[in-house]
């Protein structure tokens, strides 16, 4: 993870090397829980507009490296809803079924 204090951005980088048998599929996904309204712009970017008083953030990734799946989740617990809102969204960034690779995700203030 890299935090650039000169620019309001965080870069998350992950690399992997699985010891799988040849020909064996190795599915994997990075999971994020997003609070607020999520607006999908394209195959590789979305904006999260959090609750009142927070600035929106832009989340981006390389479309050839990751596939995004968004799943809204209804919360019934009032304590969780007070923090996450009534419908937080799970963002699953699905990694290709490869035994090794590198991905990066950027989160920055969306002006």
PDB file of N, CA and C in Angstrom:
ATOM      1  N   UNK A   1       0.846  -1.146   0.000  1.00  0.00           N
ATOM      2  CA  UNK A   1       0.000   0.000   0.000  1.00  0.00           C
ATOM      3  C   UNK A   1       0.902   1.223   0.000  1.00  0.00           C
ATOM      4  N   UNK A   2       0.508   2.237  -0.757  1.00  0.00           N
ATOM      5  CA  UNK A   2       1.274   3.479  -0.861  1.00  0.00           C
ATOM      6  C   UNK A   2       0.345   4.662  -0.626  1.00  0.00           C
ATOM      7  N   UNK A   3       0.727   5.536   0.291  1.00  0.00           N
ATOM      8  CA  UNK A   3      -0.024   6.753   0.575  1.00  0.00           C
ATOM      9  C   UNK A   3       0.819   7.929   0.133  1.00  0.00           C
ATOM     10  N   UNK A   4       0.311   8.701  -0.806  1.00  0.00           N
ATOM     11  CA  UNK A   4       0.999   9.896  -1.293  1.00  0.00           C
ATOM     12  C   UNK A   4       0.343  11.100  -0.643  1.00  0.00           C
ATOM     13  N   UNK A   5       0.993  11.689   0.350  1.00  0.00           N
ATOM     14  CA  UNK A   5       0.397  12.808   1.080  1.00  0.00           C
ATOM     15  C   UNK A   5       0.313  14.078   0.242  1.00  0.00           C
ATOM     16  N   UNK A   6       1.091  14.176  -0.833  1.00  0.00           N
ATOM     17  CA  UNK A   6       1.024  15.334  -1.716  1.00  0.00           C
ATOM     18  C   UNK A   6      -0.199  15.303  -2.620  1.00  0.00           C
ATOM     19  N   UNK A   7      -0.720  14.116  -2.845  1.00  0.00           N
ATOM     20  CA  UNK A   7      -1.907  13.913  -3.674  1.00  0.00           C
ATOM     21  C   UNK A   7      -2.883  13.093  -2.833  1.00  0.00           C
ATOM     22  N   UNK A   8      -4.157  13.461  -2.799  1.00  0.00           N
ATOM     23  CA  UNK A   8      -5.099  12.701  -1.965  1.00  0.00           C
ATOM     24  C   UNK A   8      -5.440  11.341  -2.591  1.00  0.00           C
ATOM     25  N   UNK A   9      -4.475  10.412  -2.514  1.00  0.00           N
ATOM     26  CA  UNK A   9      -4.621   9.110  -3.176  1.00  0.00           C
ATOM     27  C   UNK A   9      -3.947   8.017  -2.360  1.00  0.00           C
ATOM     28  N   UNK A  10      -4.543   6.835  -2.387  1.00  0.00           N
ATOM     29  CA  UNK A  10      -3.937   5.631  -1.826  1.00  0.00           C
ATOM     30  C   UNK A  10      -3.881   4.600  -2.944  1.00  0.00           C
ATOM     31  N   UNK A  11      -2.735   3.952  -3.113  1.00  0.00           N
ATOM     32  CA  UNK A  11      -2.595   2.882  -4.100  1.00  0.00           C
ATOM     33  C   UNK A  11      -2.384   1.570  -3.356  1.00  0.00           C
ATOM     34  N   UNK A  12      -3.216   0.596  -3.681  1.00  0.00           N
ATOM     35  CA  UNK A  12      -3.121  -0.731  -3.077  1.00  0.00           C
ATOM     36  C   UNK A  12      -2.591  -1.665  -4.158  1.00  0.00           C
ATOM     37  N   UNK A  13      -1.466  -2.309  -3.873  1.00  0.00           N
ATOM     38  CA  UNK A  13      -0.883  -3.246  -4.838  1.00  0.00           C
ATOM     39  C   UNK A  13      -0.808  -4.617  -4.195  1.00  0.00           C
ATOM     40  N   UNK A  14      -1.140  -5.629  -4.964  1.00  0.00           N
ATOM     41  CA  UNK A  14      -1.074  -6.999  -4.467  1.00  0.00           C
ATOM     42  C   UNK A  14      -0.421  -7.864  -5.539  1.00  0.00           C
ATOM     43  N   UNK A  15       0.416  -8.769  -5.107  1.00  0.00           N
ATOM     44  CA  UNK A  15       1.004  -9.729  -6.038  1.00  0.00           C
ATOM     45  C   UNK A  15       0.867 -11.113  -5.412  1.00  0.00           C
ATOM     46  N   UNK A  16       0.818 -12.126  -6.253  1.00  0.00           N
ATOM     47  CA  UNK A  16       0.622 -13.470  -5.753  1.00  0.00           C
ATOM     48  C   UNK A  16       1.327 -14.482  -6.641  1.00  0.00           C
ATOM     49  N   UNK A  17       1.579 -15.615  -6.032  1.00  0.00           N
ATOM     50  CA  UNK A  17       2.125 -16.771  -6.740  1.00  0.00           C
ATOM     51  C   UNK A  17       1.588 -17.998  -6.016  1.00  0.00           C
ATOM     52  N   UNK A  18       0.604 -18.664  -6.625  1.00  0.00           N
ATOM     53  CA  UNK A  18      -0.002 -19.844  -6.028  1.00  0.00           C
ATOM     54  C   UNK A  18       0.730 -21.092  -6.495  1.00  0.00           C
ATOM     55  N   UNK A  19       0.876 -22.040  -5.608  1.00  0.00           N
ATOM     56  CA  UNK A  19       1.507 -23.318  -5.947  1.00  0.00           C
ATOM     57  C   UNK A  19       0.418 -24.316  -6.328  1.00  0.00           C
ATOM     58  N   UNK A  20      -0.247 -24.079  -7.450  1.00  0.00           N
ATOM     59  CA  UNK A  20      -1.309 -24.976  -7.917  1.00  0.00           C
ATOM     60  C   UNK A  20      -0.748 -25.952  -8.938  1.00  0.00           C
ATOM     61  N   UNK A  21      -1.434 -27.062  -9.086  1.00  0.00           N
ATOM     62  CA  UNK A  21      -1.046 -28.024 -10.119  1.00  0.00           C
ATOM     63  C   UNK A  21      -1.296 -27.414 -11.486  1.00  0.00           C
ATOM     64  N   UNK A  22      -0.535 -27.853 -12.477  1.00  0.00           N
ATOM     65  CA  UNK A  22      -0.730 -27.370 -13.849  1.00  0.00           C
ATOM     66  C   UNK A  22      -2.167 -27.619 -14.288  1.00  0.00           C
ATOM     67  N   UNK A  23      -2.763 -26.618 -14.917  1.00  0.00           N
ATOM     68  CA  UNK A  23      -4.116 -26.759 -15.429  1.00  0.00           C
ATOM     69  C   UNK A  23      -5.200 -26.528 -14.396  1.00  0.00           C
ATOM     70  N   UNK A  24      -4.838 -26.421 -13.127  1.00  0.00           N
ATOM     71  CA  UNK A  24      -5.829 -26.209 -12.076  1.00  0.00           C
ATOM     72  C   UNK A  24      -6.217 -24.733 -12.018  1.00  0.00           C
ATOM     73  N   UNK A  25      -7.505 -24.462 -11.973  1.00  0.00           N
ATOM     74  CA  UNK A  25      -8.013 -23.094 -11.884  1.00  0.00           C
ATOM     75  C   UNK A  25      -7.835 -22.571 -10.464  1.00  0.00           C
ATOM     76  N   UNK A  26      -7.431 -21.316 -10.341  1.00  0.00           N
ATOM     77  CA  UNK A  26      -7.209 -20.712  -9.031  1.00  0.00           C
ATOM     78  C   UNK A  26      -7.995 -19.399  -8.954  1.00  0.00           C
ATOM     79  N   UNK A  27      -9.318 -19.460  -8.756  1.00  0.00           N
ATOM     80  CA  UNK A  27     -10.094 -18.225  -8.678  1.00  0.00           C
ATOM     81  C   UNK A  27      -9.837 -17.500  -7.362  1.00  0.00           C
ATOM     82  N   UNK A  28      -9.900 -16.193  -7.415  1.00  0.00           N
ATOM     83  CA  UNK A  28      -9.685 -15.385  -6.224  1.00  0.00           C
ATOM     84  C   UNK A  28     -10.347 -14.031  -6.431  1.00  0.00           C
ATOM     85  N   UNK A  29     -10.608 -13.317  -5.333  1.00  0.00           N
ATOM     86  CA  UNK A  29     -11.202 -11.983  -5.434  1.00  0.00           C
ATOM     87  C   UNK A  29     -10.770 -11.147  -4.241  1.00  0.00           C
ATOM     88  N   UNK A  30     -10.616  -9.866  -4.475  1.00  0.00           N
ATOM     89  CA  UNK A  30     -10.383  -8.902  -3.406  1.00  0.00           C
ATOM     90  C   UNK A  30     -11.742  -8.332  -3.040  1.00  0.00           C
ATOM     91  N   UNK A  31     -12.053  -8.288  -1.748  1.00  0.00           N
ATOM     92  CA  UNK A  31     -13.373  -7.850  -1.291  1.00  0.00           C
ATOM     93  C   UNK A  31     -13.255  -6.518  -0.542  1.00  0.00           C
ATOM     94  N   UNK A  32     -14.172  -5.596  -0.869  1.00  0.00           N
ATOM     95  CA  UNK A  32     -14.247  -4.308  -0.188  1.00  0.00           C
ATOM     96  C   UNK A  32     -15.696  -4.061   0.201  1.00  0.00           C
ATOM     97  N   UNK A  33     -15.920  -3.426   1.332  1.00  0.00           N
ATOM     98  CA  UNK A  33     -17.261  -3.030   1.740  1.00  0.00           C
ATOM     99  C   UNK A  33     -17.342  -1.515   1.630  1.00  0.00           C
ATOM    100  N   UNK A  34     -18.295  -1.023   0.834  1.00  0.00           N
ATOM    101  CA  UNK A  34     -18.416   0.400   0.536  1.00  0.00           C
ATOM    102  C   UNK A  34     -19.658   0.969   1.206  1.00  0.00           C
ATOM    103  N   UNK A  35     -19.497   2.051   1.947  1.00  0.00           N
ATOM    104  CA  UNK A  35     -20.625   2.726   2.586  1.00  0.00           C
ATOM    105  C   UNK A  35     -20.980   3.957   1.774  1.00  0.00           C
ATOM    106  N   UNK A  36     -22.257   4.123   1.467  1.00  0.00           N
ATOM    107  CA  UNK A  36     -22.701   5.276   0.700  1.00  0.00           C
ATOM    108  C   UNK A  36     -23.242   4.861  -0.653  1.00  0.00           C
ATOM    109  N   UNK A  37     -23.514   5.857  -1.485  1.00  0.00           N
ATOM    110  CA  UNK A  37     -24.051   5.600  -2.823  1.00  0.00           C
ATOM    111  C   UNK A  37     -22.896   5.286  -3.774  1.00  0.00           C
ATOM    112  N   UNK A  38     -22.992   4.179  -4.483  1.00  0.00           N
ATOM    113  CA  UNK A  38     -21.944   3.741  -5.404  1.00  0.00           C
ATOM    114  C   UNK A  38     -22.430   3.981  -6.832  1.00  0.00           C
ATOM    115  N   UNK A  39     -21.612   4.692  -7.613  1.00  0.00           N
ATOM    116  CA  UNK A  39     -21.932   4.992  -9.010  1.00  0.00           C
ATOM    117  C   UNK A  39     -20.862   4.366  -9.892  1.00  0.00           C
ATOM    118  N   UNK A  40     -21.261   3.406 -10.710  1.00  0.00           N
ATOM    119  CA  UNK A  40     -20.313   2.742 -11.611  1.00  0.00           C
ATOM    120  C   UNK A  40     -20.192   3.561 -12.885  1.00  0.00           C
ATOM    121  N   UNK A  41     -18.965   3.904 -13.288  1.00  0.00           N
ATOM    122  CA  UNK A  41     -18.739   4.730 -14.474  1.00  0.00           C
ATOM    123  C   UNK A  41     -18.389   3.902 -15.698  1.00  0.00           C
ATOM    124  N   UNK A  42     -17.559   2.919 -15.514  1.00  0.00           N
ATOM    125  CA  UNK A  42     -17.064   2.112 -16.626  1.00  0.00           C
ATOM    126  C   UNK A  42     -16.659   0.758 -16.062  1.00  0.00           C
ATOM    127  N   UNK A  43     -16.032  -0.040 -16.905  1.00  0.00           N
ATOM    128  CA  UNK A  43     -15.617  -1.373 -16.465  1.00  0.00           C
ATOM    129  C   UNK A  43     -14.595  -1.323 -15.338  1.00  0.00           C
ATOM    130  N   UNK A  44     -13.895  -0.193 -15.194  1.00  0.00           N
ATOM    131  CA  UNK A  44     -12.794  -0.149 -14.229  1.00  0.00           C
ATOM    132  C   UNK A  44     -12.795   1.091 -13.349  1.00  0.00           C
ATOM    133  N   UNK A  45     -13.966   1.655 -13.072  1.00  0.00           N
ATOM    134  CA  UNK A  45     -13.992   2.791 -12.143  1.00  0.00           C
ATOM    135  C   UNK A  45     -15.377   2.974 -11.550  1.00  0.00           C
ATOM    136  N   UNK A  46     -15.386   3.490 -10.335  1.00  0.00           N
ATOM    137  CA  UNK A  46     -16.638   3.823  -9.670  1.00  0.00           C
ATOM    138  C   UNK A  46     -16.384   4.938  -8.671  1.00  0.00           C
ATOM    139  N   UNK A  47     -17.449   5.652  -8.330  1.00  0.00           N
ATOM    140  CA  UNK A  47     -17.384   6.701  -7.319  1.00  0.00           C
ATOM    141  C   UNK A  47     -18.226   6.270  -6.132  1.00  0.00           C
ATOM    142  N   UNK A  48     -17.703   6.506  -4.931  1.00  0.00           N
ATOM    143  CA  UNK A  48     -18.449   6.240  -3.710  1.00  0.00           C
ATOM    144  C   UNK A  48     -18.753   7.582  -3.067  1.00  0.00           C
ATOM    145  N   UNK A  49     -20.028   7.879  -2.950  1.00  0.00           N
ATOM    146  CA  UNK A  49     -20.479   9.103  -2.285  1.00  0.00           C
ATOM    147  C   UNK A  49     -20.951   8.690  -0.901  1.00  0.00           C
ATOM    148  N   UNK A  50     -20.081   8.908   0.056  1.00  0.00           N
ATOM    149  CA  UNK A  50     -20.363   8.479   1.424  1.00  0.00           C
ATOM    150  C   UNK A  50     -21.405   9.388   2.061  1.00  0.00           C
ATOM    151  N   UNK A  51     -21.641   9.143   3.292  1.00  0.00           N
ATOM    152  CA  UNK A  51     -22.661   9.892   4.024  1.00  0.00           C
ATOM    153  C   UNK A  51     -22.310  11.371   4.109  1.00  0.00           C
ATOM    154  N   UNK A  52     -23.273  12.170   4.513  1.00  0.00           N
ATOM    155  CA  UNK A  52     -23.131  13.631   4.570  1.00  0.00           C
ATOM    156  C   UNK A  52     -21.835  14.045   5.263  1.00  0.00           C
ATOM    157  N   UNK A  53     -21.191  15.047   4.693  1.00  0.00           N
ATOM    158  CA  UNK A  53     -19.975  15.579   5.282  1.00  0.00           C
ATOM    159  C   UNK A  53     -18.698  14.962   4.754  1.00  0.00           C
ATOM    160  N   UNK A  54     -18.790  13.889   3.999  1.00  0.00           N
ATOM    161  CA  UNK A  54     -17.606  13.229   3.452  1.00  0.00           C
ATOM    162  C   UNK A  54     -17.449  13.570   1.979  1.00  0.00           C
ATOM    163  N   UNK A  55     -16.205  13.630   1.536  1.00  0.00           N
ATOM    164  CA  UNK A  55     -15.950  13.866   0.112  1.00  0.00           C
ATOM    165  C   UNK A  55     -16.050  12.544  -0.641  1.00  0.00           C
ATOM    166  N   UNK A  56     -16.545  12.581  -1.880  1.00  0.00           N
ATOM    167  CA  UNK A  56     -16.617  11.341  -2.659  1.00  0.00           C
ATOM    168  C   UNK A  56     -15.217  10.862  -3.040  1.00  0.00           C
ATOM    169  N   UNK A  57     -15.088   9.555  -3.221  1.00  0.00           N
ATOM    170  CA  UNK A  57     -13.817   8.986  -3.661  1.00  0.00           C
ATOM    171  C   UNK A  57     -14.021   8.227  -4.967  1.00  0.00           C
ATOM    172  N   UNK A  58     -12.977   8.237  -5.784  1.00  0.00           N
ATOM    173  CA  UNK A  58     -12.951   7.520  -7.049  1.00  0.00           C
ATOM    174  C   UNK A  58     -12.078   6.284  -6.860  1.00  0.00           C
ATOM    175  N   UNK A  59     -12.606   5.124  -7.202  1.00  0.00           N
ATOM    176  CA  UNK A  59     -11.873   3.861  -7.113  1.00  0.00           C
ATOM    177  C   UNK A  59     -11.639   3.380  -8.543  1.00  0.00           C
ATOM    178  N   UNK A  60     -10.374   3.121  -8.898  1.00  0.00           N
ATOM    179  CA  UNK A  60     -10.042   2.677 -10.255  1.00  0.00           C
ATOM    180  C   UNK A  60      -9.107   1.471 -10.206  1.00  0.00           C
ATOM    181  N   UNK A  61      -9.123   0.693 -11.288  1.00  0.00           N
ATOM    182  CA  UNK A  61      -8.254  -0.466 -11.445  1.00  0.00           C
ATOM    183  C   UNK A  61      -8.104  -0.738 -12.930  1.00  0.00           C
ATOM    184  N   UNK A  62      -7.156  -1.589 -13.286  1.00  0.00           N
ATOM    185  CA  UNK A  62      -6.939  -1.937 -14.697  1.00  0.00           C
ATOM    186  C   UNK A  62      -7.981  -2.975 -15.125  1.00  0.00           C
ATOM    187  N   UNK A  63      -8.801  -2.650 -16.146  1.00  0.00           N
ATOM    188  CA  UNK A  63      -9.876  -3.575 -16.530  1.00  0.00           C
ATOM    189  C   UNK A  63      -9.374  -4.917 -17.057  1.00  0.00           C
ATOM    190  N   UNK A  64      -8.189  -4.946 -17.624  1.00  0.00           N
ATOM    191  CA  UNK A  64      -7.663  -6.218 -18.120  1.00  0.00           C
ATOM    192  C   UNK A  64      -7.198  -7.108 -16.976  1.00  0.00           C
ATOM    193  N   UNK A  65      -7.034  -6.536 -15.782  1.00  0.00           N
ATOM    194  CA  UNK A  65      -6.530  -7.302 -14.647  1.00  0.00           C
ATOM    195  C   UNK A  65      -7.632  -7.775 -13.703  1.00  0.00           C
ATOM    196  N   UNK A  66      -8.735  -7.027 -13.609  1.00  0.00           N
ATOM    197  CA  UNK A  66      -9.774  -7.330 -12.626  1.00  0.00           C
ATOM    198  C   UNK A  66     -11.162  -7.132 -13.220  1.00  0.00           C
ATOM    199  N   UNK A  67     -12.103  -7.926 -12.752  1.00  0.00           N
ATOM    200  CA  UNK A  67     -13.508  -7.775 -13.119  1.00  0.00           C
ATOM    201  C   UNK A  67     -14.285  -7.448 -11.851  1.00  0.00           C
ATOM    202  N   UNK A  68     -15.100  -6.395 -11.886  1.00  0.00           N
ATOM    203  CA  UNK A  68     -15.826  -5.955 -10.698  1.00  0.00           C
ATOM    204  C   UNK A  68     -17.222  -6.555 -10.631  1.00  0.00           C
ATOM    205  N   UNK A  69     -17.604  -6.963  -9.420  1.00  0.00           N
ATOM    206  CA  UNK A  69     -18.967  -7.419  -9.137  1.00  0.00           C
ATOM    207  C   UNK A  69     -19.452  -6.611  -7.935  1.00  0.00           C
ATOM    208  N   UNK A  70     -20.551  -5.866  -8.113  1.00  0.00           N
ATOM    209  CA  UNK A  70     -21.134  -5.059  -7.041  1.00  0.00           C
ATOM    210  C   UNK A  70     -22.377  -5.754  -6.503  1.00  0.00           C
ATOM    211  N   UNK A  71     -22.452  -5.883  -5.168  1.00  0.00           N
ATOM    212  CA  UNK A  71     -23.593  -6.532  -4.535  1.00  0.00           C
ATOM    213  C   UNK A  71     -24.089  -5.676  -3.376  1.00  0.00           C
ATOM    214  N   UNK A  72     -25.235  -4.981  -3.529  1.00  0.00           N
ATOM    215  CA  UNK A  72     -25.799  -4.243  -2.393  1.00  0.00           C
ATOM    216  C   UNK A  72     -26.287  -5.237  -1.337  1.00  0.00           C
ATOM    217  N   UNK A  73     -26.099  -4.881  -0.076  1.00  0.00           N
ATOM    218  CA  UNK A  73     -26.500  -5.759   1.019  1.00  0.00           C
ATOM    219  C   UNK A  73     -27.400  -4.981   1.974  1.00  0.00           C
ATOM    220  N   UNK A  74     -28.608  -5.437   2.170  1.00  0.00           N
ATOM    221  CA  UNK A  74     -29.524  -4.787   3.118  1.00  0.00           C
ATOM    222  C   UNK A  74     -29.101  -5.144   4.538  1.00  0.00           C
ATOM    223  N   UNK A  75     -29.062  -4.138   5.411  1.00  0.00           N
ATOM    224  CA  UNK A  75     -28.739  -4.365   6.818  1.00  0.00           C
ATOM    225  C   UNK A  75     -30.004  -4.195   7.649  1.00  0.00           C
ATOM    226  N   UNK A  76     -30.222  -5.106   8.566  1.00  0.00           N
ATOM    227  CA  UNK A  76     -31.379  -5.023   9.444  1.00  0.00           C
ATOM    228  C   UNK A  76     -30.989  -4.622  10.856  1.00  0.00           C
ATOM    229  N   UNK A  77     -29.731  -4.728  11.186  1.00  0.00           N
ATOM    230  CA  UNK A  77     -29.246  -4.373  12.521  1.00  0.00           C
ATOM    231  C   UNK A  77     -29.096  -2.858  12.612  1.00  0.00           C
ATOM    232  N   UNK A  78     -29.823  -2.191  13.522  1.00  0.00           N
ATOM    233  CA  UNK A  78     -29.753  -0.729  13.606  1.00  0.00           C
ATOM    234  C   UNK A  78     -28.364  -0.197  13.973  1.00  0.00           C
ATOM    235  N   UNK A  79     -27.584  -0.961  14.725  1.00  0.00           N
ATOM    236  CA  UNK A  79     -26.238  -0.502  15.080  1.00  0.00           C
ATOM    237  C   UNK A  79     -25.331  -0.507  13.852  1.00  0.00           C
ATOM    238  N   UNK A  80     -25.424  -1.538  13.022  1.00  0.00           N
ATOM    239  CA  UNK A  80     -24.628  -1.580  11.795  1.00  0.00           C
ATOM    240  C   UNK A  80     -25.111  -0.538  10.798  1.00  0.00           C
ATOM    241  N   UNK A  81     -26.432  -0.376  10.685  1.00  0.00           N
ATOM    242  CA  UNK A  81     -26.994   0.613   9.757  1.00  0.00           C
ATOM    243  C   UNK A  81     -26.585   2.030  10.127  1.00  0.00           C
ATOM    244  N   UNK A  82     -26.403   2.294  11.411  1.00  0.00           N
ATOM    245  CA  UNK A  82     -25.990   3.631  11.848  1.00  0.00           C
ATOM    246  C   UNK A  82     -24.596   3.973  11.331  1.00  0.00           C
ATOM    247  N   UNK A  83     -23.765   2.972  11.138  1.00  0.00           N
ATOM    248  CA  UNK A  83     -22.397   3.183  10.659  1.00  0.00           C
ATOM    249  C   UNK A  83     -22.311   3.057   9.141  1.00  0.00           C
ATOM    250  N   UNK A  84     -22.878   1.998   8.580  1.00  0.00           N
ATOM    251  CA  UNK A  84     -22.719   1.665   7.168  1.00  0.00           C
ATOM    252  C   UNK A  84     -23.850   2.177   6.285  1.00  0.00           C
ATOM    253  N   UNK A  85     -24.942   2.632   6.867  1.00  0.00           N
ATOM    254  CA  UNK A  85     -26.126   2.980   6.089  1.00  0.00           C
ATOM    255  C   UNK A  85     -26.980   1.734   5.912  1.00  0.00           C
ATOM    256  N   UNK A  86     -28.148   1.901   5.322  1.00  0.00           N
ATOM    257  CA  UNK A  86     -29.064   0.769   5.183  1.00  0.00           C
ATOM    258  C   UNK A  86     -28.618  -0.235   4.126  1.00  0.00           C
ATOM    259  N   UNK A  87     -27.880   0.240   3.107  1.00  0.00           N
ATOM    260  CA  UNK A  87     -27.482  -0.633   2.001  1.00  0.00           C
ATOM    261  C   UNK A  87     -26.008  -0.456   1.645  1.00  0.00           C
ATOM    262  N   UNK A  88     -25.089  -1.017   2.429  1.00  0.00           N
ATOM    263  CA  UNK A  88     -23.689  -0.991   1.983  1.00  0.00           C
ATOM    264  C   UNK A  88     -23.539  -1.891   0.753  1.00  0.00           C
ATOM    265  N   UNK A  89     -22.493  -1.645  -0.005  1.00  0.00           N
ATOM    266  CA  UNK A  89     -22.261  -2.411  -1.234  1.00  0.00           C
ATOM    267  C   UNK A  89     -20.953  -3.172  -1.115  1.00  0.00           C
ATOM    268  N   UNK A  90     -21.009  -4.457  -1.427  1.00  0.00           N
ATOM    269  CA  UNK A  90     -19.778  -5.247  -1.470  1.00  0.00           C
ATOM    270  C   UNK A  90     -19.212  -5.145  -2.880  1.00  0.00           C
ATOM    271  N   UNK A  91     -17.947  -4.760  -2.962  1.00  0.00           N
ATOM    272  CA  UNK A  91     -17.225  -4.721  -4.231  1.00  0.00           C
ATOM    273  C   UNK A  91     -16.271  -5.907  -4.239  1.00  0.00           C
ATOM    274  N   UNK A  92     -16.493  -6.833  -5.161  1.00  0.00           N
ATOM    275  CA  UNK A  92     -15.581  -7.963  -5.345  1.00  0.00           C
ATOM    276  C   UNK A  92     -14.821  -7.719  -6.639  1.00  0.00           C
ATOM    277  N   UNK A  93     -13.519  -7.594  -6.542  1.00  0.00           N
ATOM    278  CA  UNK A  93     -12.664  -7.459  -7.719  1.00  0.00           C
ATOM    279  C   UNK A  93     -12.078  -8.837  -7.999  1.00  0.00           C
ATOM    280  N   UNK A  94     -12.619  -9.476  -9.017  1.00  0.00           N
ATOM    281  CA  UNK A  94     -12.271 -10.862  -9.329  1.00  0.00           C
ATOM    282  C   UNK A  94     -10.972 -10.892 -10.124  1.00  0.00           C
ATOM    283  N   UNK A  95     -10.044 -11.674  -9.612  1.00  0.00           N
ATOM    284  CA  UNK A  95      -8.725 -11.834 -10.217  1.00  0.00           C
ATOM    285  C   UNK A  95      -8.801 -12.972 -11.236  1.00  0.00           C
ATOM    286  N   UNK A  96      -8.145 -12.827 -12.382  1.00  0.00           N
ATOM    287  CA  UNK A  96      -8.146 -13.932 -13.351  1.00  0.00           C
ATOM    288  C   UNK A  96      -7.605 -15.215 -12.723  1.00  0.00           C
ATOM    289  N   UNK A  97      -8.049 -16.334 -13.234  1.00  0.00           N
ATOM    290  CA  UNK A  97      -7.600 -17.634 -12.719  1.00  0.00           C
ATOM    291  C   UNK A  97      -6.194 -17.932 -13.214  1.00  0.00           C
ATOM    292  N   UNK A  98      -5.258 -17.179 -12.687  1.00  0.00           N
ATOM    293  CA  UNK A  98      -3.854 -17.388 -13.023  1.00  0.00           C
ATOM    294  C   UNK A  98      -3.096 -17.720 -11.754  1.00  0.00           C
ATOM    295  N   UNK A  99      -2.016 -18.427 -11.898  1.00  0.00           N
ATOM    296  CA  UNK A  99      -1.241 -18.816 -10.719  1.00  0.00           C
ATOM    297  C   UNK A  99      -0.393 -17.690 -10.170  1.00  0.00           C
ATOM    298  N   UNK A 100      -0.122 -16.678 -10.996  1.00  0.00           N
ATOM    299  CA  UNK A 100       0.658 -15.550 -10.500  1.00  0.00           C
ATOM    300  C   UNK A 100       0.213 -14.278 -11.196  1.00  0.00           C
ATOM    301  N   UNK A 101       0.439 -13.156 -10.531  1.00  0.00           N
ATOM    302  CA  UNK A 101       0.066 -11.885 -11.130  1.00  0.00           C
ATOM    303  C   UNK A 101       0.278 -10.723 -10.178  1.00  0.00           C
ATOM    304  N   UNK A 102       0.009  -9.530 -10.688  1.00  0.00           N
ATOM    305  CA  UNK A 102       0.130  -8.291  -9.918  1.00  0.00           C
ATOM    306  C   UNK A 102      -1.054  -7.416 -10.291  1.00  0.00           C
ATOM    307  N   UNK A 103      -1.675  -6.807  -9.298  1.00  0.00           N
ATOM    308  CA  UNK A 103      -2.778  -5.876  -9.556  1.00  0.00           C
ATOM    309  C   UNK A 103      -2.572  -4.624  -8.704  1.00  0.00           C
ATOM    310  N   UNK A 104      -3.198  -3.528  -9.129  1.00  0.00           N
ATOM    311  CA  UNK A 104      -3.175  -2.320  -8.314  1.00  0.00           C
ATOM    312  C   UNK A 104      -4.542  -1.652  -8.391  1.00  0.00           C
ATOM    313  N   UNK A 105      -4.932  -1.060  -7.271  1.00  0.00           N
ATOM    314  CA  UNK A 105      -6.210  -0.369  -7.127  1.00  0.00           C
ATOM    315  C   UNK A 105      -5.896   1.004  -6.558  1.00  0.00           C
ATOM    316  N   UNK A 106      -6.525   2.033  -7.122  1.00  0.00           N
ATOM    317  CA  UNK A 106      -6.312   3.396  -6.627  1.00  0.00           C
ATOM    318  C   UNK A 106      -7.603   3.933  -6.040  1.00  0.00           C
ATOM    319  N   UNK A 107      -7.468   4.596  -4.906  1.00  0.00           N
ATOM    320  CA  UNK A 107      -8.587   5.274  -4.258  1.00  0.00           C
ATOM    321  C   UNK A 107      -8.144   6.713  -4.062  1.00  0.00           C
ATOM    322  N   UNK A 108      -8.894   7.655  -4.667  1.00  0.00           N
ATOM    323  CA  UNK A 108      -8.511   9.057  -4.557  1.00  0.00           C
ATOM    324  C   UNK A 108      -9.740   9.935  -4.409  1.00  0.00           C
ATOM    325  N   UNK A 109      -9.528  11.117  -3.862  1.00  0.00           N
ATOM    326  CA  UNK A 109     -10.619  12.069  -3.704  1.00  0.00           C
ATOM    327  C   UNK A 109     -11.131  12.452  -5.082  1.00  0.00           C
ATOM    328  N   UNK A 110     -12.450  12.408  -5.250  1.00  0.00           N
ATOM    329  CA  UNK A 110     -13.089  12.730  -6.529  1.00  0.00           C
ATOM    330  C   UNK A 110     -13.607  14.158  -6.444  1.00  0.00           C
ATOM    331  N   UNK A 111     -12.860  15.077  -7.033  1.00  0.00           N
ATOM    332  CA  UNK A 111     -13.232  16.500  -6.961  1.00  0.00           C
ATOM    333  C   UNK A 111     -14.320  16.833  -7.924  1.00  0.00           C
TER     334      UNK A 111
END
